[in-house]
């Protein structure tokens, strides 16, 4: 059975924190591939503050070009309207079929807002969840982090640190290397004319510089 990771985000821009997280999760769960899915119109962010999807996708392609297990999907970019996770996971489930094991990769900060996602409870009936801890949040995931209405649907295995949903899909809280890098930080540095070297892949750094992204005179200075 193929084990596939789905890693969504705005990637505005993609940085080494994203890449290191994906690599650690890939190794940890023996994933056959990790699919990066740039969002087109994320419900929780102002669209005008985000670079066009084609530009963000270009940066992702540059960042993962030499990695044999990382791929990019423009599924959300080609779908009109808001980018809802339930639609994305359902599409991948239809694409890969029941013989593939889908793992939805998300940070703890995003998971804590899951009750605001459209049809979020249905996600636990479609795929596994891998919840990554990030800088600024506690390292230990507990039952209190689960949506109240779903808490009783999960059984906890304390030895393996796994929560199993009544559907059979699992939720895996996992610690990753805490690289304190954010896209907001990178955009701010660019606006101030400061270096972003070693925060993003060299190819992404060059693309941002040549395209004048995030600078007052660039194609987009918001965000």
N, C-alpha and C. Protein backbone atom coordinates (compact mmCIF):
# COMPACT_ATOMS: atom_id res chain seq x y z
N UNK A 1 0.84 -1.20 0.00
CA UNK A 1 0.00 0.00 0.00
C UNK A 1 0.88 1.25 0.00
N UNK A 2 0.60 2.16 -0.92
CA UNK A 2 1.35 3.40 -0.97
C UNK A 2 0.90 4.34 0.15
N UNK A 3 1.87 4.94 0.81
CA UNK A 3 1.57 5.90 1.88
C UNK A 3 1.94 7.29 1.36
N UNK A 4 0.93 8.14 1.27
CA UNK A 4 1.10 9.45 0.63
C UNK A 4 0.81 10.56 1.63
N UNK A 5 1.71 11.53 1.69
CA UNK A 5 1.51 12.70 2.54
C UNK A 5 0.96 13.86 1.74
N UNK A 6 -0.03 14.55 2.30
CA UNK A 6 -0.61 15.73 1.67
C UNK A 6 -0.26 16.94 2.54
N UNK A 7 0.53 17.83 2.00
CA UNK A 7 1.04 18.98 2.76
C UNK A 7 0.55 20.26 2.10
N UNK A 8 -0.51 20.83 2.64
CA UNK A 8 -1.08 22.05 2.09
C UNK A 8 -0.58 23.30 2.77
N UNK A 9 -0.77 24.43 2.12
CA UNK A 9 -0.37 25.71 2.69
C UNK A 9 -0.36 26.80 1.64
N UNK A 10 -0.20 28.02 2.07
CA UNK A 10 -0.11 29.11 1.10
C UNK A 10 1.28 29.15 0.47
N UNK A 11 2.30 28.75 1.25
CA UNK A 11 3.69 28.76 0.77
C UNK A 11 4.02 30.12 0.14
N UNK A 12 3.93 31.14 0.99
CA UNK A 12 4.06 32.53 0.53
C UNK A 12 5.18 33.30 1.24
N UNK A 13 6.47 32.85 1.06
CA UNK A 13 6.95 31.79 0.17
C UNK A 13 7.21 30.49 0.94
N UNK A 14 7.49 29.42 0.20
CA UNK A 14 7.96 28.19 0.80
C UNK A 14 9.35 28.43 1.39
N UNK A 15 9.66 27.81 2.52
CA UNK A 15 10.97 28.04 3.15
C UNK A 15 11.53 26.73 3.70
N UNK A 16 12.71 26.82 4.29
CA UNK A 16 13.39 25.62 4.76
C UNK A 16 12.65 24.94 5.91
N UNK A 17 11.87 25.70 6.66
CA UNK A 17 11.06 25.10 7.71
C UNK A 17 10.03 24.14 7.14
N UNK A 18 9.37 24.55 6.05
CA UNK A 18 8.42 23.66 5.38
C UNK A 18 9.12 22.39 4.89
N UNK A 19 10.25 22.58 4.25
CA UNK A 19 10.96 21.45 3.63
C UNK A 19 11.50 20.48 4.67
N UNK A 20 12.05 21.02 5.75
CA UNK A 20 12.58 20.15 6.80
C UNK A 20 11.45 19.38 7.47
N UNK A 21 10.34 20.04 7.71
CA UNK A 21 9.19 19.37 8.32
C UNK A 21 8.72 18.21 7.44
N UNK A 22 8.59 18.49 6.14
CA UNK A 22 8.13 17.45 5.21
C UNK A 22 9.11 16.29 5.16
N UNK A 23 10.39 16.58 5.21
CA UNK A 23 11.40 15.53 5.14
C UNK A 23 11.37 14.65 6.40
N UNK A 24 11.25 15.27 7.55
CA UNK A 24 11.21 14.49 8.79
C UNK A 24 9.96 13.61 8.84
N UNK A 25 8.83 14.16 8.42
CA UNK A 25 7.59 13.38 8.42
C UNK A 25 7.68 12.25 7.39
N UNK A 26 8.27 12.52 6.24
CA UNK A 26 8.42 11.48 5.22
C UNK A 26 9.21 10.30 5.76
N UNK A 27 10.31 10.58 6.42
CA UNK A 27 11.14 9.52 6.98
C UNK A 27 10.43 8.80 8.13
N UNK A 28 9.79 9.57 8.97
CA UNK A 28 9.15 9.03 10.16
C UNK A 28 8.04 8.03 9.82
N UNK A 29 7.28 8.35 8.75
CA UNK A 29 6.13 7.52 8.38
C UNK A 29 6.37 6.69 7.12
N UNK A 30 7.60 6.73 6.61
CA UNK A 30 7.96 5.95 5.43
C UNK A 30 7.01 6.24 4.27
N UNK A 31 6.78 7.52 4.02
CA UNK A 31 5.88 7.92 2.95
C UNK A 31 6.53 7.72 1.59
N UNK A 32 5.76 7.25 0.64
CA UNK A 32 6.29 7.05 -0.71
C UNK A 32 6.44 8.37 -1.44
N UNK A 33 5.65 9.37 -1.02
CA UNK A 33 5.81 10.72 -1.54
C UNK A 33 5.09 11.72 -0.65
N UNK A 34 5.53 12.97 -0.74
CA UNK A 34 4.85 14.07 -0.06
C UNK A 34 4.41 15.04 -1.15
N UNK A 35 3.11 15.32 -1.19
CA UNK A 35 2.56 16.21 -2.19
C UNK A 35 2.33 17.59 -1.58
N UNK A 36 3.01 18.59 -2.12
CA UNK A 36 2.81 19.97 -1.68
C UNK A 36 1.63 20.54 -2.46
N UNK A 37 0.66 21.11 -1.72
CA UNK A 37 -0.57 21.61 -2.35
C UNK A 37 -0.75 23.09 -2.01
N UNK A 38 -0.25 23.99 -2.87
CA UNK A 38 -0.47 25.42 -2.61
C UNK A 38 -1.96 25.75 -2.71
N UNK A 39 -2.45 26.51 -1.75
CA UNK A 39 -3.86 26.89 -1.76
C UNK A 39 -4.07 28.08 -2.69
N UNK A 40 -5.25 28.12 -3.28
CA UNK A 40 -5.58 29.23 -4.18
C UNK A 40 -6.19 30.39 -3.41
N UNK A 41 -7.26 30.09 -2.67
CA UNK A 41 -7.98 31.12 -1.93
C UNK A 41 -8.32 30.57 -0.55
N UNK A 42 -7.33 30.57 0.36
CA UNK A 42 -7.57 30.00 1.71
C UNK A 42 -8.64 30.78 2.46
N UNK A 43 -9.61 30.08 3.07
CA UNK A 43 -10.72 30.74 3.74
C UNK A 43 -10.30 31.64 4.90
N UNK A 44 -9.14 31.36 5.53
CA UNK A 44 -8.75 32.10 6.73
C UNK A 44 -7.75 33.23 6.46
N UNK A 45 -7.50 33.51 5.17
CA UNK A 45 -6.56 34.57 4.86
C UNK A 45 -7.12 35.47 3.78
N UNK A 46 -6.70 36.73 3.78
CA UNK A 46 -7.13 37.67 2.76
C UNK A 46 -6.39 37.39 1.46
N UNK A 47 -7.15 37.15 0.41
CA UNK A 47 -6.54 36.76 -0.86
C UNK A 47 -5.62 37.85 -1.40
N UNK A 48 -5.97 39.11 -1.18
CA UNK A 48 -5.16 40.20 -1.73
C UNK A 48 -3.79 40.27 -1.07
N UNK A 49 -3.64 39.60 0.07
CA UNK A 49 -2.36 39.61 0.78
C UNK A 49 -1.47 38.45 0.36
N UNK A 50 -1.87 37.70 -0.65
CA UNK A 50 -1.13 36.52 -1.06
C UNK A 50 -0.74 36.64 -2.53
N UNK A 51 0.47 36.23 -2.85
CA UNK A 51 0.92 36.24 -4.24
C UNK A 51 0.03 35.33 -5.10
N UNK A 52 -0.05 35.59 -6.39
CA UNK A 52 -0.82 34.71 -7.28
C UNK A 52 -0.36 33.25 -7.13
N UNK A 53 -1.30 32.34 -7.25
CA UNK A 53 -0.98 30.93 -7.08
C UNK A 53 0.10 30.43 -8.00
N UNK A 54 0.12 30.91 -9.23
CA UNK A 54 1.13 30.46 -10.19
C UNK A 54 2.54 30.82 -9.74
N UNK A 55 2.67 31.95 -9.08
CA UNK A 55 3.98 32.40 -8.59
C UNK A 55 4.41 31.57 -7.40
N UNK A 56 3.48 31.31 -6.47
CA UNK A 56 3.81 30.50 -5.31
C UNK A 56 4.13 29.06 -5.71
N UNK A 57 3.38 28.56 -6.70
CA UNK A 57 3.65 27.21 -7.19
C UNK A 57 5.02 27.14 -7.84
N UNK A 58 5.41 28.19 -8.54
CA UNK A 58 6.74 28.22 -9.17
C UNK A 58 7.83 28.11 -8.10
N UNK A 59 7.65 28.80 -6.99
CA UNK A 59 8.64 28.72 -5.92
C UNK A 59 8.70 27.33 -5.30
N UNK A 60 7.53 26.69 -5.16
CA UNK A 60 7.52 25.33 -4.63
C UNK A 60 8.26 24.39 -5.58
N UNK A 61 8.01 24.54 -6.87
CA UNK A 61 8.69 23.69 -7.86
C UNK A 61 10.21 23.86 -7.77
N UNK A 62 10.64 25.09 -7.64
CA UNK A 62 12.07 25.35 -7.52
C UNK A 62 12.63 24.72 -6.25
N UNK A 63 11.86 24.78 -5.17
CA UNK A 63 12.33 24.28 -3.87
C UNK A 63 12.46 22.77 -3.84
N UNK A 64 11.57 22.06 -4.53
CA UNK A 64 11.54 20.60 -4.43
C UNK A 64 12.10 19.89 -5.66
N UNK A 65 12.63 20.67 -6.60
CA UNK A 65 13.04 20.13 -7.91
C UNK A 65 13.97 18.92 -7.81
N UNK A 66 14.86 18.91 -6.84
CA UNK A 66 15.86 17.85 -6.76
C UNK A 66 15.52 16.76 -5.74
N UNK A 67 14.32 16.84 -5.17
CA UNK A 67 13.94 15.84 -4.17
C UNK A 67 13.12 14.73 -4.83
N UNK A 68 13.56 13.49 -4.75
CA UNK A 68 12.88 12.39 -5.46
C UNK A 68 11.51 12.02 -4.90
N UNK A 69 11.20 12.44 -3.67
CA UNK A 69 9.94 12.04 -3.06
C UNK A 69 8.97 13.20 -2.85
N UNK A 70 9.36 14.39 -3.27
CA UNK A 70 8.49 15.56 -3.14
C UNK A 70 7.89 15.90 -4.51
N UNK A 71 6.58 16.13 -4.54
CA UNK A 71 5.92 16.55 -5.77
C UNK A 71 4.97 17.71 -5.47
N UNK A 72 4.53 18.38 -6.52
CA UNK A 72 3.61 19.51 -6.38
C UNK A 72 2.30 19.17 -7.06
N UNK A 73 1.20 19.57 -6.45
CA UNK A 73 -0.12 19.44 -7.06
C UNK A 73 -0.75 20.82 -7.17
N UNK A 74 -1.27 21.13 -8.36
CA UNK A 74 -1.97 22.39 -8.55
C UNK A 74 -3.48 22.21 -8.47
N UNK A 75 -3.91 21.15 -7.78
CA UNK A 75 -5.32 20.81 -7.66
C UNK A 75 -6.14 22.00 -7.15
N UNK A 76 -5.70 22.62 -6.06
CA UNK A 76 -6.47 23.73 -5.50
C UNK A 76 -6.37 24.98 -6.36
N UNK A 77 -5.24 25.16 -7.04
CA UNK A 77 -5.06 26.33 -7.89
C UNK A 77 -5.99 26.29 -9.10
N UNK A 78 -6.33 25.08 -9.54
CA UNK A 78 -7.19 24.92 -10.71
C UNK A 78 -8.68 24.84 -10.34
N UNK A 79 -8.97 24.85 -9.05
CA UNK A 79 -10.36 24.75 -8.61
C UNK A 79 -10.88 26.12 -8.22
N UNK A 80 -12.00 26.57 -8.78
CA UNK A 80 -12.52 27.90 -8.46
C UNK A 80 -13.04 27.98 -7.03
N UNK A 81 -13.08 29.18 -6.50
CA UNK A 81 -13.62 29.39 -5.16
C UNK A 81 -12.61 29.16 -4.05
N UNK A 82 -13.10 29.07 -2.84
CA UNK A 82 -12.26 28.87 -1.67
C UNK A 82 -11.58 27.51 -1.70
N UNK A 83 -10.43 27.43 -1.05
CA UNK A 83 -9.68 26.17 -0.98
C UNK A 83 -10.03 25.44 0.31
N UNK A 84 -10.93 24.48 0.21
CA UNK A 84 -11.37 23.74 1.38
C UNK A 84 -10.68 22.37 1.43
N UNK A 85 -10.15 22.03 2.60
CA UNK A 85 -9.41 20.78 2.77
C UNK A 85 -10.27 19.56 2.47
N UNK A 86 -11.55 19.61 2.84
CA UNK A 86 -12.42 18.46 2.62
C UNK A 86 -12.53 18.14 1.13
N UNK A 87 -12.56 19.16 0.28
CA UNK A 87 -12.64 18.94 -1.16
C UNK A 87 -11.32 18.41 -1.70
N UNK A 88 -10.22 18.92 -1.15
CA UNK A 88 -8.90 18.48 -1.59
C UNK A 88 -8.64 17.02 -1.24
N UNK A 89 -8.91 16.66 0.01
CA UNK A 89 -8.68 15.28 0.44
C UNK A 89 -9.61 14.32 -0.31
N UNK A 90 -10.85 14.73 -0.51
CA UNK A 90 -11.79 13.89 -1.26
C UNK A 90 -11.29 13.66 -2.68
N UNK A 91 -10.73 14.70 -3.29
CA UNK A 91 -10.20 14.57 -4.65
C UNK A 91 -9.02 13.60 -4.70
N UNK A 92 -8.13 13.70 -3.72
CA UNK A 92 -6.99 12.78 -3.68
C UNK A 92 -7.44 11.35 -3.38
N UNK A 93 -8.46 11.21 -2.54
CA UNK A 93 -8.98 9.89 -2.26
C UNK A 93 -9.52 9.24 -3.54
N UNK A 94 -10.22 10.03 -4.35
CA UNK A 94 -10.72 9.53 -5.61
C UNK A 94 -9.61 9.23 -6.60
N UNK A 95 -8.54 10.04 -6.56
CA UNK A 95 -7.43 9.88 -7.49
C UNK A 95 -6.60 8.63 -7.19
N UNK A 96 -6.29 8.43 -5.91
CA UNK A 96 -5.41 7.32 -5.52
C UNK A 96 -6.15 6.04 -5.14
N UNK A 97 -7.44 6.14 -4.85
CA UNK A 97 -8.21 4.96 -4.53
C UNK A 97 -8.01 4.47 -3.11
N UNK A 98 -8.76 3.46 -2.75
CA UNK A 98 -8.76 2.94 -1.38
C UNK A 98 -7.48 2.17 -1.03
N UNK A 99 -6.70 1.80 -2.04
CA UNK A 99 -5.49 1.03 -1.78
C UNK A 99 -4.33 1.91 -1.34
N UNK A 100 -4.52 3.23 -1.38
CA UNK A 100 -3.49 4.16 -0.93
C UNK A 100 -3.86 4.71 0.45
N UNK A 101 -2.85 4.94 1.25
CA UNK A 101 -3.05 5.47 2.59
C UNK A 101 -2.67 6.94 2.60
N UNK A 102 -3.68 7.80 2.78
CA UNK A 102 -3.46 9.24 2.75
C UNK A 102 -3.18 9.77 4.15
N UNK A 103 -2.17 10.62 4.25
CA UNK A 103 -1.80 11.24 5.52
C UNK A 103 -1.83 12.76 5.34
N UNK A 104 -2.75 13.40 6.02
CA UNK A 104 -2.90 14.86 5.93
C UNK A 104 -1.95 15.49 6.95
N UNK A 105 -0.98 16.25 6.47
CA UNK A 105 0.06 16.83 7.32
C UNK A 105 -0.31 18.26 7.69
N UNK A 106 -0.35 18.55 8.99
CA UNK A 106 -0.77 19.87 9.43
C UNK A 106 -0.05 20.24 10.72
N UNK A 107 0.21 21.51 10.91
CA UNK A 107 0.83 21.98 12.13
C UNK A 107 -0.19 22.09 13.26
N UNK A 108 0.29 22.02 14.49
CA UNK A 108 -0.62 22.10 15.64
C UNK A 108 -1.38 23.42 15.64
N UNK A 109 -0.71 24.50 15.25
CA UNK A 109 -1.37 25.80 15.23
C UNK A 109 -2.59 25.79 14.32
N UNK A 110 -2.45 25.17 13.15
CA UNK A 110 -3.59 25.08 12.22
C UNK A 110 -4.65 24.11 12.74
N UNK A 111 -4.21 23.00 13.34
CA UNK A 111 -5.17 22.01 13.83
C UNK A 111 -6.06 22.59 14.93
N UNK A 112 -5.52 23.50 15.72
CA UNK A 112 -6.31 24.09 16.79
C UNK A 112 -7.47 24.93 16.26
N UNK A 113 -7.46 25.23 14.96
CA UNK A 113 -8.55 25.98 14.34
C UNK A 113 -9.46 25.09 13.50
N UNK A 114 -9.30 23.78 13.61
CA UNK A 114 -9.99 22.86 12.70
C UNK A 114 -11.51 22.95 12.80
N UNK A 115 -12.03 23.37 13.94
CA UNK A 115 -13.48 23.47 14.07
C UNK A 115 -14.07 24.57 13.19
N UNK A 116 -13.22 25.43 12.65
CA UNK A 116 -13.68 26.48 11.73
C UNK A 116 -13.62 26.02 10.27
N UNK A 117 -13.08 24.80 10.03
CA UNK A 117 -12.97 24.29 8.66
C UNK A 117 -14.32 23.74 8.20
N UNK A 118 -14.56 23.81 6.91
CA UNK A 118 -15.80 23.29 6.35
C UNK A 118 -15.83 21.75 6.45
N UNK A 119 -16.93 21.22 7.01
CA UNK A 119 -17.14 19.78 7.13
C UNK A 119 -15.91 19.06 7.71
N UNK A 120 -15.32 19.67 8.72
CA UNK A 120 -14.06 19.15 9.26
C UNK A 120 -14.18 17.74 9.82
N UNK A 121 -15.34 17.41 10.40
CA UNK A 121 -15.49 16.09 11.01
C UNK A 121 -15.40 14.97 9.97
N UNK A 122 -15.77 15.28 8.73
CA UNK A 122 -15.72 14.27 7.67
C UNK A 122 -14.29 13.94 7.27
N UNK A 123 -13.35 14.83 7.54
CA UNK A 123 -11.95 14.59 7.19
C UNK A 123 -11.40 13.35 7.89
N UNK A 124 -11.84 13.12 9.13
CA UNK A 124 -11.33 11.99 9.90
C UNK A 124 -11.87 10.66 9.40
N UNK A 125 -12.76 10.72 8.42
CA UNK A 125 -13.29 9.50 7.81
C UNK A 125 -12.69 9.28 6.43
N UNK A 126 -11.72 10.12 6.06
CA UNK A 126 -11.11 10.03 4.73
C UNK A 126 -9.61 9.77 4.76
N UNK A 127 -8.95 10.15 5.85
CA UNK A 127 -7.49 10.05 5.87
C UNK A 127 -6.96 10.07 7.30
N UNK A 128 -5.68 9.74 7.41
CA UNK A 128 -4.97 9.89 8.68
C UNK A 128 -4.53 11.34 8.82
N UNK A 129 -4.28 11.76 10.04
CA UNK A 129 -3.76 13.10 10.32
C UNK A 129 -2.39 12.98 10.97
N UNK A 130 -1.44 13.77 10.52
CA UNK A 130 -0.15 13.90 11.19
C UNK A 130 -0.07 15.34 11.68
N UNK A 131 -0.01 15.51 12.99
CA UNK A 131 0.00 16.84 13.58
C UNK A 131 1.41 17.17 14.06
N UNK A 132 2.00 18.19 13.47
CA UNK A 132 3.36 18.59 13.80
C UNK A 132 3.35 19.70 14.84
N UNK A 133 4.21 19.56 15.85
CA UNK A 133 4.38 20.66 16.79
C UNK A 133 5.36 21.65 16.21
N UNK A 134 5.13 22.93 16.49
CA UNK A 134 5.95 24.00 15.92
C UNK A 134 6.38 24.97 17.00
N UNK A 135 7.37 25.82 16.72
CA UNK A 135 7.82 26.81 17.71
C UNK A 135 6.66 27.66 18.21
N UNK A 136 6.61 27.87 19.51
CA UNK A 136 5.57 28.71 20.10
C UNK A 136 4.39 27.92 20.64
N UNK A 137 4.38 26.61 20.41
CA UNK A 137 3.30 25.76 20.91
C UNK A 137 3.90 24.65 21.76
N UNK A 138 3.08 24.13 22.69
CA UNK A 138 3.55 23.06 23.54
C UNK A 138 3.92 21.83 22.73
N UNK A 139 4.85 21.04 23.25
CA UNK A 139 5.30 19.86 22.52
C UNK A 139 4.36 18.67 22.66
N UNK A 140 3.52 18.71 23.67
CA UNK A 140 2.67 17.56 23.93
C UNK A 140 1.24 17.79 23.45
N UNK A 141 0.78 16.92 22.57
CA UNK A 141 -0.61 16.96 22.11
C UNK A 141 -1.44 16.14 23.09
N UNK A 142 -2.61 16.61 23.43
CA UNK A 142 -3.46 15.88 24.36
C UNK A 142 -4.89 15.84 23.84
N UNK A 143 -5.71 15.04 24.49
CA UNK A 143 -7.11 14.89 24.07
C UNK A 143 -7.84 16.23 24.08
N UNK A 144 -7.43 17.15 24.91
CA UNK A 144 -8.12 18.44 24.98
C UNK A 144 -7.95 19.26 23.70
N UNK A 145 -6.99 18.88 22.87
CA UNK A 145 -6.80 19.56 21.60
C UNK A 145 -7.77 19.07 20.53
N UNK A 146 -8.47 17.96 20.80
CA UNK A 146 -9.44 17.44 19.85
C UNK A 146 -10.71 18.28 19.90
N UNK A 147 -11.41 18.41 18.77
CA UNK A 147 -12.71 19.10 18.80
C UNK A 147 -13.62 18.43 19.81
N UNK A 148 -14.30 19.21 20.61
CA UNK A 148 -15.12 18.68 21.69
C UNK A 148 -16.12 17.64 21.20
N UNK A 149 -16.76 17.92 20.09
CA UNK A 149 -17.81 17.02 19.61
C UNK A 149 -17.26 15.70 19.06
N UNK A 150 -15.93 15.65 18.83
CA UNK A 150 -15.33 14.44 18.27
C UNK A 150 -14.47 13.67 19.27
N UNK A 151 -14.25 14.25 20.43
CA UNK A 151 -13.32 13.65 21.40
C UNK A 151 -13.68 12.19 21.72
N UNK A 152 -14.95 11.91 21.86
CA UNK A 152 -15.37 10.56 22.24
C UNK A 152 -15.23 9.57 21.08
N UNK A 153 -15.01 10.09 19.88
CA UNK A 153 -14.87 9.21 18.71
C UNK A 153 -13.45 8.66 18.59
N UNK A 154 -12.54 9.13 19.45
CA UNK A 154 -11.15 8.71 19.40
C UNK A 154 -10.77 7.85 20.60
N UNK A 155 -10.01 6.80 20.32
CA UNK A 155 -9.40 5.99 21.39
C UNK A 155 -7.91 6.27 21.39
N UNK A 156 -7.33 6.39 22.57
CA UNK A 156 -5.92 6.78 22.67
C UNK A 156 -5.05 5.61 23.10
N UNK A 157 -3.96 5.40 22.36
CA UNK A 157 -2.95 4.40 22.71
C UNK A 157 -1.74 5.17 23.25
N UNK A 158 -1.58 5.17 24.57
CA UNK A 158 -0.53 5.96 25.21
C UNK A 158 0.87 5.44 24.89
N UNK A 159 1.02 4.14 24.63
CA UNK A 159 2.34 3.59 24.33
C UNK A 159 2.83 4.03 22.96
N UNK A 160 1.93 4.11 22.00
CA UNK A 160 2.31 4.51 20.65
C UNK A 160 2.02 5.99 20.37
N UNK A 161 1.34 6.65 21.29
CA UNK A 161 0.93 8.06 21.13
C UNK A 161 0.15 8.23 19.83
N UNK A 162 -0.92 7.44 19.71
CA UNK A 162 -1.78 7.45 18.54
C UNK A 162 -3.24 7.55 18.98
N UNK A 163 -4.00 8.40 18.29
CA UNK A 163 -5.43 8.49 18.52
C UNK A 163 -6.13 7.83 17.34
N UNK A 164 -6.97 6.84 17.60
CA UNK A 164 -7.67 6.14 16.53
C UNK A 164 -9.14 6.55 16.50
N UNK A 165 -9.56 7.03 15.34
CA UNK A 165 -10.95 7.45 15.16
C UNK A 165 -11.83 6.22 14.95
N UNK A 166 -13.11 6.36 15.20
CA UNK A 166 -14.04 5.25 15.03
C UNK A 166 -14.08 4.73 13.59
N UNK A 167 -13.64 5.56 12.65
CA UNK A 167 -13.59 5.15 11.24
C UNK A 167 -12.41 4.22 10.97
N UNK A 168 -11.45 4.21 11.89
CA UNK A 168 -10.24 3.41 11.70
C UNK A 168 -9.04 4.26 11.34
N UNK A 169 -9.28 5.49 10.89
CA UNK A 169 -8.16 6.39 10.58
C UNK A 169 -7.56 6.92 11.88
N UNK A 170 -6.29 7.27 11.78
CA UNK A 170 -5.56 7.63 12.99
C UNK A 170 -5.04 9.07 12.98
N UNK A 171 -4.80 9.56 14.16
CA UNK A 171 -4.23 10.89 14.34
C UNK A 171 -2.89 10.69 15.07
N UNK A 172 -1.82 11.17 14.44
CA UNK A 172 -0.48 10.99 14.98
C UNK A 172 0.13 12.33 15.38
N UNK A 173 0.22 12.65 16.67
CA UNK A 173 0.95 13.85 17.09
C UNK A 173 2.46 13.54 17.04
N UNK A 174 3.23 14.40 16.40
CA UNK A 174 4.66 14.14 16.28
C UNK A 174 5.47 15.43 16.39
N UNK A 175 6.58 15.32 17.12
CA UNK A 175 7.49 16.45 17.26
C UNK A 175 8.43 16.50 16.06
N UNK A 176 8.70 17.70 15.59
CA UNK A 176 9.65 17.90 14.51
C UNK A 176 10.69 18.92 14.95
N UNK A 177 11.77 19.01 14.22
CA UNK A 177 12.81 19.98 14.54
C UNK A 177 12.22 21.39 14.49
N UNK A 178 12.45 22.14 15.53
CA UNK A 178 11.85 23.47 15.65
C UNK A 178 12.69 24.52 14.94
N UNK A 179 12.52 24.62 13.62
CA UNK A 179 13.17 25.69 12.87
C UNK A 179 12.27 26.92 12.93
N UNK A 180 12.72 27.93 13.63
CA UNK A 180 11.89 29.11 13.85
C UNK A 180 11.97 30.03 12.63
N UNK A 181 11.32 29.59 11.55
CA UNK A 181 11.29 30.34 10.30
C UNK A 181 9.83 30.48 9.89
N UNK A 182 9.45 31.66 9.43
CA UNK A 182 8.08 31.85 8.96
C UNK A 182 8.08 32.64 7.66
N UNK A 183 7.02 32.44 6.88
CA UNK A 183 6.89 33.19 5.63
C UNK A 183 6.74 34.68 5.91
N UNK A 184 6.05 35.02 7.00
CA UNK A 184 5.89 36.44 7.37
C UNK A 184 7.25 37.07 7.63
N UNK A 185 8.09 36.37 8.36
CA UNK A 185 9.44 36.85 8.65
C UNK A 185 10.21 37.11 7.36
N UNK A 186 10.11 36.18 6.42
CA UNK A 186 10.85 36.30 5.16
C UNK A 186 10.35 37.50 4.36
N UNK A 187 9.04 37.66 4.27
CA UNK A 187 8.48 38.81 3.53
C UNK A 187 8.93 40.12 4.15
N UNK A 188 8.94 40.19 5.47
CA UNK A 188 9.36 41.42 6.15
C UNK A 188 10.83 41.73 5.89
N UNK A 189 11.67 40.69 5.88
CA UNK A 189 13.09 40.90 5.61
C UNK A 189 13.30 41.44 4.20
N UNK A 190 12.57 40.89 3.25
CA UNK A 190 12.70 41.35 1.86
C UNK A 190 12.30 42.82 1.76
N UNK A 191 11.21 43.18 2.41
CA UNK A 191 10.75 44.58 2.35
C UNK A 191 11.78 45.54 2.94
N UNK A 192 12.52 45.04 3.93
CA UNK A 192 13.54 45.88 4.56
C UNK A 192 14.87 45.84 3.84
N UNK A 193 14.93 45.08 2.75
CA UNK A 193 16.16 44.97 1.98
C UNK A 193 17.22 44.10 2.65
N UNK A 194 16.79 43.22 3.53
CA UNK A 194 17.73 42.37 4.24
C UNK A 194 17.82 40.98 3.61
N UNK A 195 18.85 40.25 3.94
CA UNK A 195 19.11 38.94 3.35
C UNK A 195 18.13 37.88 3.86
N UNK A 196 17.73 36.97 2.95
CA UNK A 196 16.93 35.81 3.34
C UNK A 196 17.71 34.52 3.05
N UNK A 197 18.99 34.67 2.83
CA UNK A 197 19.85 33.51 2.59
C UNK A 197 19.78 32.56 3.77
N UNK A 198 19.72 31.27 3.49
CA UNK A 198 19.64 30.18 4.47
C UNK A 198 18.28 30.09 5.17
N UNK A 199 17.32 30.90 4.73
CA UNK A 199 15.94 30.76 5.21
C UNK A 199 15.07 30.08 4.16
N UNK A 200 15.46 30.25 2.90
CA UNK A 200 14.78 29.61 1.78
C UNK A 200 15.82 28.93 0.91
N UNK A 201 15.44 27.98 0.06
CA UNK A 201 16.40 27.38 -0.87
C UNK A 201 17.01 28.45 -1.78
N UNK A 202 18.23 28.22 -2.20
CA UNK A 202 18.94 29.21 -3.02
C UNK A 202 18.15 29.57 -4.28
N UNK A 203 17.52 28.58 -4.91
CA UNK A 203 16.77 28.85 -6.13
C UNK A 203 15.57 29.74 -5.86
N UNK A 204 14.94 29.58 -4.70
CA UNK A 204 13.80 30.42 -4.32
C UNK A 204 14.27 31.83 -4.00
N UNK A 205 15.39 31.92 -3.31
CA UNK A 205 15.96 33.23 -2.99
C UNK A 205 16.23 34.02 -4.28
N UNK A 206 16.82 33.37 -5.25
CA UNK A 206 17.15 34.03 -6.52
C UNK A 206 15.88 34.44 -7.26
N UNK A 207 14.88 33.58 -7.25
CA UNK A 207 13.62 33.89 -7.93
C UNK A 207 12.94 35.10 -7.29
N UNK A 208 12.93 35.16 -5.96
CA UNK A 208 12.33 36.30 -5.26
C UNK A 208 13.07 37.58 -5.60
N UNK A 209 14.40 37.49 -5.64
CA UNK A 209 15.21 38.68 -5.94
C UNK A 209 14.99 39.15 -7.37
N UNK A 210 15.06 38.24 -8.32
CA UNK A 210 14.93 38.62 -9.74
C UNK A 210 13.52 39.10 -10.07
N UNK A 211 12.53 38.50 -9.43
CA UNK A 211 11.14 38.88 -9.71
C UNK A 211 10.67 40.05 -8.84
N UNK A 212 11.53 40.47 -7.92
CA UNK A 212 11.22 41.58 -7.01
C UNK A 212 9.93 41.32 -6.23
N UNK A 213 9.81 40.11 -5.74
CA UNK A 213 8.63 39.75 -4.95
C UNK A 213 8.71 40.36 -3.56
N UNK A 214 7.57 40.72 -3.04
CA UNK A 214 7.41 41.24 -1.67
C UNK A 214 8.02 42.61 -1.44
N UNK A 215 8.67 43.17 -2.41
CA UNK A 215 9.25 44.51 -2.26
C UNK A 215 8.21 45.53 -2.71
N UNK A 216 8.32 46.79 -2.25
CA UNK A 216 7.34 47.82 -2.63
C UNK A 216 7.14 47.96 -4.13
N UNK A 217 8.20 47.63 -4.90
CA UNK A 217 8.11 47.79 -6.35
C UNK A 217 7.82 46.45 -7.05
N UNK A 218 7.63 45.40 -6.25
CA UNK A 218 7.41 44.08 -6.83
C UNK A 218 5.97 43.88 -7.27
N UNK A 219 5.66 42.65 -7.75
CA UNK A 219 4.32 42.39 -8.24
C UNK A 219 3.33 42.27 -7.10
N UNK A 220 3.84 42.12 -5.90
CA UNK A 220 2.96 42.05 -4.75
C UNK A 220 3.76 42.45 -3.53
N UNK A 221 3.25 43.42 -2.76
CA UNK A 221 3.96 43.86 -1.57
C UNK A 221 3.12 43.68 -0.32
N UNK A 222 1.96 43.03 -0.48
CA UNK A 222 1.09 42.83 0.67
C UNK A 222 1.43 41.54 1.38
N UNK A 223 0.80 41.31 2.49
CA UNK A 223 0.94 40.03 3.17
C UNK A 223 1.42 40.13 4.56
